[in-house]
């Protein structure tokens, strides 16, 4: 899987878990300083870690709930 695939998977999972409004707002308000961090988190936390076989969006949501 390359970085583009990771990013696409990550965006899909981010939207499922956080909602499109939140993801769009985070993307639109990213600065030159925060954009690389957003990209890194999307690719590796969401696209690599949370897209592993056996994990579901339900599990991801549960792990982010208070």
PDB file of N, CA and C in Angstrom:
ATOM      1  N   UNK A   1       0.851  -1.170   0.000  1.00  0.00           N
ATOM      2  CA  UNK A   1       0.000   0.000   0.000  1.00  0.00           C
ATOM      3  C   UNK A   1       0.898   1.234   0.000  1.00  0.00           C
ATOM      4  N   UNK A   2       0.607   2.192  -0.850  1.00  0.00           N
ATOM      5  CA  UNK A   2       1.410   3.409  -0.879  1.00  0.00           C
ATOM      6  C   UNK A   2       0.714   4.514  -0.073  1.00  0.00           C
ATOM      7  N   UNK A   3       1.368   5.671   0.027  1.00  0.00           N
ATOM      8  CA  UNK A   3       0.829   6.763   0.831  1.00  0.00           C
ATOM      9  C   UNK A   3      -0.524   7.259   0.332  1.00  0.00           C
ATOM     10  N   UNK A   4      -0.718   7.232  -0.975  1.00  0.00           N
ATOM     11  CA  UNK A   4      -2.003   7.676  -1.522  1.00  0.00           C
ATOM     12  C   UNK A   4      -3.127   6.747  -1.068  1.00  0.00           C
ATOM     13  N   UNK A   5      -2.879   5.436  -1.128  1.00  0.00           N
ATOM     14  CA  UNK A   5      -3.871   4.455  -0.664  1.00  0.00           C
ATOM     15  C   UNK A   5      -4.151   4.627   0.820  1.00  0.00           C
ATOM     16  N   UNK A   6      -3.093   4.813   1.616  1.00  0.00           N
ATOM     17  CA  UNK A   6      -3.259   5.017   3.055  1.00  0.00           C
ATOM     18  C   UNK A   6      -4.113   6.251   3.321  1.00  0.00           C
ATOM     19  N   UNK A   7      -3.848   7.322   2.581  1.00  0.00           N
ATOM     20  CA  UNK A   7      -4.588   8.570   2.785  1.00  0.00           C
ATOM     21  C   UNK A   7      -6.069   8.370   2.438  1.00  0.00           C
ATOM     22  N   UNK A   8      -6.347   7.715   1.328  1.00  0.00           N
ATOM     23  CA  UNK A   8      -7.740   7.472   0.933  1.00  0.00           C
ATOM     24  C   UNK A   8      -8.467   6.620   1.968  1.00  0.00           C
ATOM     25  N   UNK A   9      -7.821   5.548   2.424  1.00  0.00           N
ATOM     26  CA  UNK A   9      -8.426   4.701   3.463  1.00  0.00           C
ATOM     27  C   UNK A   9      -8.629   5.499   4.744  1.00  0.00           C
ATOM     28  N   UNK A  10      -7.629   6.283   5.088  1.00  0.00           N
ATOM     29  CA  UNK A  10      -7.711   7.088   6.303  1.00  0.00           C
ATOM     30  C   UNK A  10      -8.840   8.095   6.266  1.00  0.00           C
ATOM     31  N   UNK A  11      -9.016   8.767   5.135  1.00  0.00           N
ATOM     32  CA  UNK A  11     -10.105   9.743   5.011  1.00  0.00           C
ATOM     33  C   UNK A  11     -11.461   9.054   5.117  1.00  0.00           C
ATOM     34  N   UNK A  12     -11.581   7.887   4.531  1.00  0.00           N
ATOM     35  CA  UNK A  12     -12.844   7.146   4.597  1.00  0.00           C
ATOM     36  C   UNK A  12     -13.185   6.812   6.052  1.00  0.00           C
ATOM     37  N   UNK A  13     -12.217   6.304   6.789  1.00  0.00           N
ATOM     38  CA  UNK A  13     -12.452   5.930   8.182  1.00  0.00           C
ATOM     39  C   UNK A  13     -12.680   7.167   9.046  1.00  0.00           C
ATOM     40  N   UNK A  14     -11.903   8.217   8.832  1.00  0.00           N
ATOM     41  CA  UNK A  14     -12.115   9.474   9.580  1.00  0.00           C
ATOM     42  C   UNK A  14     -13.537   9.970   9.399  1.00  0.00           C
ATOM     43  N   UNK A  15     -14.018   9.950   8.158  1.00  0.00           N
ATOM     44  CA  UNK A  15     -15.384  10.420   7.897  1.00  0.00           C
ATOM     45  C   UNK A  15     -16.424   9.532   8.577  1.00  0.00           C
ATOM     46  N   UNK A  16     -16.209   8.215   8.562  1.00  0.00           N
ATOM     47  CA  UNK A  16     -17.145   7.294   9.204  1.00  0.00           C
ATOM     48  C   UNK A  16     -17.205   7.539  10.710  1.00  0.00           C
ATOM     49  N   UNK A  17     -16.056   7.797  11.307  1.00  0.00           N
ATOM     50  CA  UNK A  17     -15.980   7.925  12.762  1.00  0.00           C
ATOM     51  C   UNK A  17     -16.316   9.339  13.238  1.00  0.00           C
ATOM     52  N   UNK A  18     -15.729  10.345  12.605  1.00  0.00           N
ATOM     53  CA  UNK A  18     -15.855  11.717  13.073  1.00  0.00           C
ATOM     54  C   UNK A  18     -16.935  12.523  12.358  1.00  0.00           C
ATOM     55  N   UNK A  19     -17.371  12.048  11.197  1.00  0.00           N
ATOM     56  CA  UNK A  19     -18.357  12.770  10.401  1.00  0.00           C
ATOM     57  C   UNK A  19     -17.687  13.682   9.395  1.00  0.00           C
ATOM     58  N   UNK A  20     -18.320  13.818   8.248  1.00  0.00           N
ATOM     59  CA  UNK A  20     -17.744  14.628   7.169  1.00  0.00           C
ATOM     60  C   UNK A  20     -17.594  16.088   7.550  1.00  0.00           C
ATOM     61  N   UNK A  21     -18.537  16.630   8.318  1.00  0.00           N
ATOM     62  CA  UNK A  21     -18.452  18.045   8.692  1.00  0.00           C
ATOM     63  C   UNK A  21     -17.170  18.322   9.479  1.00  0.00           C
ATOM     64  N   UNK A  22     -16.858  17.461  10.421  1.00  0.00           N
ATOM     65  CA  UNK A  22     -15.641  17.640  11.221  1.00  0.00           C
ATOM     66  C   UNK A  22     -14.389  17.517  10.350  1.00  0.00           C
ATOM     67  N   UNK A  23     -14.349  16.482   9.515  1.00  0.00           N
ATOM     68  CA  UNK A  23     -13.175  16.249   8.670  1.00  0.00           C
ATOM     69  C   UNK A  23     -13.010  17.404   7.678  1.00  0.00           C
ATOM     70  N   UNK A  24     -14.107  17.859   7.082  1.00  0.00           N
ATOM     71  CA  UNK A  24     -14.029  18.982   6.142  1.00  0.00           C
ATOM     72  C   UNK A  24     -13.535  20.245   6.840  1.00  0.00           C
ATOM     73  N   UNK A  25     -14.048  20.500   8.050  1.00  0.00           N
ATOM     74  CA  UNK A  25     -13.637  21.683   8.803  1.00  0.00           C
ATOM     75  C   UNK A  25     -12.140  21.608   9.139  1.00  0.00           C
ATOM     76  N   UNK A  26     -11.683  20.443   9.577  1.00  0.00           N
ATOM     77  CA  UNK A  26     -10.261  20.283   9.907  1.00  0.00           C
ATOM     78  C   UNK A  26      -9.388  20.483   8.670  1.00  0.00           C
ATOM     79  N   UNK A  27      -9.845  19.968   7.545  1.00  0.00           N
ATOM     80  CA  UNK A  27      -9.084  20.108   6.301  1.00  0.00           C
ATOM     81  C   UNK A  27      -9.055  21.560   5.831  1.00  0.00           C
ATOM     82  N   UNK A  28     -10.195  22.230   5.932  1.00  0.00           N
ATOM     83  CA  UNK A  28     -10.300  23.610   5.448  1.00  0.00           C
ATOM     84  C   UNK A  28      -9.553  24.607   6.324  1.00  0.00           C
ATOM     85  N   UNK A  29      -9.393  24.285   7.600  1.00  0.00           N
ATOM     86  CA  UNK A  29      -8.714  25.214   8.502  1.00  0.00           C
ATOM     87  C   UNK A  29      -7.244  24.861   8.724  1.00  0.00           C
ATOM     88  N   UNK A  30      -6.767  23.850   8.035  1.00  0.00           N
ATOM     89  CA  UNK A  30      -5.356  23.478   8.169  1.00  0.00           C
ATOM     90  C   UNK A  30      -4.470  24.621   7.676  1.00  0.00           C
ATOM     91  N   UNK A  31      -3.382  24.825   8.377  1.00  0.00           N
ATOM     92  CA  UNK A  31      -2.419  25.862   8.003  1.00  0.00           C
ATOM     93  C   UNK A  31      -1.179  25.189   7.405  1.00  0.00           C
ATOM     94  N   UNK A  32      -0.250  25.996   6.949  1.00  0.00           N
ATOM     95  CA  UNK A  32       1.008  25.431   6.440  1.00  0.00           C
ATOM     96  C   UNK A  32       1.715  24.622   7.525  1.00  0.00           C
ATOM     97  N   UNK A  33       1.509  25.017   8.784  1.00  0.00           N
ATOM     98  CA  UNK A  33       2.126  24.309   9.896  1.00  0.00           C
ATOM     99  C   UNK A  33       1.387  23.010  10.231  1.00  0.00           C
ATOM    100  N   UNK A  34       0.046  23.035  10.226  1.00  0.00           N
ATOM    101  CA  UNK A  34      -0.731  21.863  10.667  1.00  0.00           C
ATOM    102  C   UNK A  34      -1.058  20.879   9.552  1.00  0.00           C
ATOM    103  N   UNK A  35      -1.011  21.294   8.307  1.00  0.00           N
ATOM    104  CA  UNK A  35      -1.367  20.405   7.187  1.00  0.00           C
ATOM    105  C   UNK A  35      -0.509  19.136   7.129  1.00  0.00           C
ATOM    106  N   UNK A  36       0.807  19.223   7.302  1.00  0.00           N
ATOM    107  CA  UNK A  36       1.600  17.984   7.287  1.00  0.00           C
ATOM    108  C   UNK A  36       1.218  17.031   8.425  1.00  0.00           C
ATOM    109  N   UNK A  37       0.866  17.587   9.589  1.00  0.00           N
ATOM    110  CA  UNK A  37       0.438  16.758  10.705  1.00  0.00           C
ATOM    111  C   UNK A  37      -0.898  16.080  10.388  1.00  0.00           C
ATOM    112  N   UNK A  38      -1.839  16.825   9.822  1.00  0.00           N
ATOM    113  CA  UNK A  38      -3.122  16.245   9.404  1.00  0.00           C
ATOM    114  C   UNK A  38      -2.893  15.094   8.428  1.00  0.00           C
ATOM    115  N   UNK A  39      -2.003  15.296   7.479  1.00  0.00           N
ATOM    116  CA  UNK A  39      -1.697  14.263   6.490  1.00  0.00           C
ATOM    117  C   UNK A  39      -1.095  13.027   7.157  1.00  0.00           C
ATOM    118  N   UNK A  40      -0.136  13.232   8.062  1.00  0.00           N
ATOM    119  CA  UNK A  40       0.499  12.127   8.771  1.00  0.00           C
ATOM    120  C   UNK A  40      -0.522  11.327   9.572  1.00  0.00           C
ATOM    121  N   UNK A  41      -1.362  12.003  10.330  1.00  0.00           N
ATOM    122  CA  UNK A  41      -2.382  11.331  11.145  1.00  0.00           C
ATOM    123  C   UNK A  41      -3.360  10.578  10.252  1.00  0.00           C
ATOM    124  N   UNK A  42      -3.775  11.206   9.157  1.00  0.00           N
ATOM    125  CA  UNK A  42      -4.725  10.551   8.242  1.00  0.00           C
ATOM    126  C   UNK A  42      -4.120   9.289   7.648  1.00  0.00           C
ATOM    127  N   UNK A  43      -2.878   9.371   7.192  1.00  0.00           N
ATOM    128  CA  UNK A  43      -2.244   8.211   6.553  1.00  0.00           C
ATOM    129  C   UNK A  43      -1.920   7.098   7.534  1.00  0.00           C
ATOM    130  N   UNK A  44      -1.315   7.439   8.647  1.00  0.00           N
ATOM    131  CA  UNK A  44      -0.804   6.385   9.518  1.00  0.00           C
ATOM    132  C   UNK A  44      -1.738   5.995  10.653  1.00  0.00           C
ATOM    133  N   UNK A  45      -2.336   6.944  11.350  1.00  0.00           N
ATOM    134  CA  UNK A  45      -3.251   6.559  12.432  1.00  0.00           C
ATOM    135  C   UNK A  45      -4.544   5.993  11.854  1.00  0.00           C
ATOM    136  N   UNK A  46      -5.164   6.749  10.960  1.00  0.00           N
ATOM    137  CA  UNK A  46      -6.444   6.306  10.388  1.00  0.00           C
ATOM    138  C   UNK A  46      -6.247   5.307   9.258  1.00  0.00           C
ATOM    139  N   UNK A  47      -5.346   5.567   8.337  1.00  0.00           N
ATOM    140  CA  UNK A  47      -5.199   4.727   7.149  1.00  0.00           C
ATOM    141  C   UNK A  47      -4.423   3.443   7.339  1.00  0.00           C
ATOM    142  N   UNK A  48      -3.493   3.437   8.277  1.00  0.00           N
ATOM    143  CA  UNK A  48      -2.676   2.243   8.500  1.00  0.00           C
ATOM    144  C   UNK A  48      -3.168   1.467   9.723  1.00  0.00           C
ATOM    145  N   UNK A  49      -3.251   2.129  10.856  1.00  0.00           N
ATOM    146  CA  UNK A  49      -3.610   1.441  12.105  1.00  0.00           C
ATOM    147  C   UNK A  49      -5.076   1.030  12.122  1.00  0.00           C
ATOM    148  N   UNK A  50      -5.981   1.981  11.897  1.00  0.00           N
ATOM    149  CA  UNK A  50      -7.406   1.683  12.037  1.00  0.00           C
ATOM    150  C   UNK A  50      -8.009   0.967  10.839  1.00  0.00           C
ATOM    151  N   UNK A  51      -7.262   0.760   9.778  1.00  0.00           N
ATOM    152  CA  UNK A  51      -7.798   0.009   8.629  1.00  0.00           C
ATOM    153  C   UNK A  51      -7.338  -1.450   8.627  1.00  0.00           C
ATOM    154  N   UNK A  52      -6.687  -1.883   9.709  1.00  0.00           N
ATOM    155  CA  UNK A  52      -6.217  -3.270   9.785  1.00  0.00           C
ATOM    156  C   UNK A  52      -7.398  -4.240   9.726  1.00  0.00           C
ATOM    157  N   UNK A  53      -7.175  -5.406   9.154  1.00  0.00           N
ATOM    158  CA  UNK A  53      -8.222  -6.432   9.120  1.00  0.00           C
ATOM    159  C   UNK A  53      -8.691  -6.764  10.540  1.00  0.00           C
ATOM    160  N   UNK A  54      -9.995  -6.907  10.689  1.00  0.00           N
ATOM    161  CA  UNK A  54     -10.570  -7.262  11.979  1.00  0.00           C
ATOM    162  C   UNK A  54     -11.029  -6.078  12.802  1.00  0.00           C
ATOM    163  N   UNK A  55     -10.640  -4.859  12.417  1.00  0.00           N
ATOM    164  CA  UNK A  55     -11.098  -3.678  13.134  1.00  0.00           C
ATOM    165  C   UNK A  55     -12.271  -3.065  12.373  1.00  0.00           C
ATOM    166  N   UNK A  56     -13.235  -2.572  13.106  1.00  0.00           N
ATOM    167  CA  UNK A  56     -14.404  -1.961  12.476  1.00  0.00           C
ATOM    168  C   UNK A  56     -14.553  -0.519  12.949  1.00  0.00           C
ATOM    169  N   UNK A  57     -15.340   0.250  12.216  1.00  0.00           N
ATOM    170  CA  UNK A  57     -15.605   1.627  12.614  1.00  0.00           C
ATOM    171  C   UNK A  57     -16.252   1.666  13.993  1.00  0.00           C
ATOM    172  N   UNK A  58     -17.032   0.650  14.340  1.00  0.00           N
ATOM    173  CA  UNK A  58     -17.665   0.580  15.657  1.00  0.00           C
ATOM    174  C   UNK A  58     -16.599   0.524  16.748  1.00  0.00           C
ATOM    175  N   UNK A  59     -15.570  -0.266  16.536  1.00  0.00           N
ATOM    176  CA  UNK A  59     -14.483  -0.367  17.497  1.00  0.00           C
ATOM    177  C   UNK A  59     -13.755   0.960  17.607  1.00  0.00           C
ATOM    178  N   UNK A  60     -13.526   1.607  16.495  1.00  0.00           N
ATOM    179  CA  UNK A  60     -12.830   2.884  16.487  1.00  0.00           C
ATOM    180  C   UNK A  60     -13.646   3.904  17.262  1.00  0.00           C
ATOM    181  N   UNK A  61     -14.944   3.956  17.014  1.00  0.00           N
ATOM    182  CA  UNK A  61     -15.815   4.892  17.719  1.00  0.00           C
ATOM    183  C   UNK A  61     -15.801   4.600  19.213  1.00  0.00           C
ATOM    184  N   UNK A  62     -15.896   3.343  19.581  1.00  0.00           N
ATOM    185  CA  UNK A  62     -15.889   2.954  20.990  1.00  0.00           C
ATOM    186  C   UNK A  62     -14.616   3.385  21.690  1.00  0.00           C
ATOM    187  N   UNK A  63     -13.498   3.307  21.002  1.00  0.00           N
ATOM    188  CA  UNK A  63     -12.230   3.672  21.627  1.00  0.00           C
ATOM    189  C   UNK A  63     -12.096   5.184  21.784  1.00  0.00           C
ATOM    190  N   UNK A  64     -12.907   5.978  21.060  1.00  0.00           N
ATOM    191  CA  UNK A  64     -12.858   7.433  21.156  1.00  0.00           C
ATOM    192  C   UNK A  64     -13.947   8.000  22.038  1.00  0.00           C
ATOM    193  N   UNK A  65     -14.818   7.172  22.579  1.00  0.00           N
ATOM    194  CA  UNK A  65     -15.917   7.639  23.423  1.00  0.00           C
ATOM    195  C   UNK A  65     -15.428   7.859  24.848  1.00  0.00           C
ATOM    196  N   UNK A  66     -15.989   8.856  25.543  1.00  0.00           N
ATOM    197  CA  UNK A  66     -15.569   9.100  26.926  1.00  0.00           C
ATOM    198  C   UNK A  66     -16.006   7.991  27.857  1.00  0.00           C
TER     199      UNK A  66
END
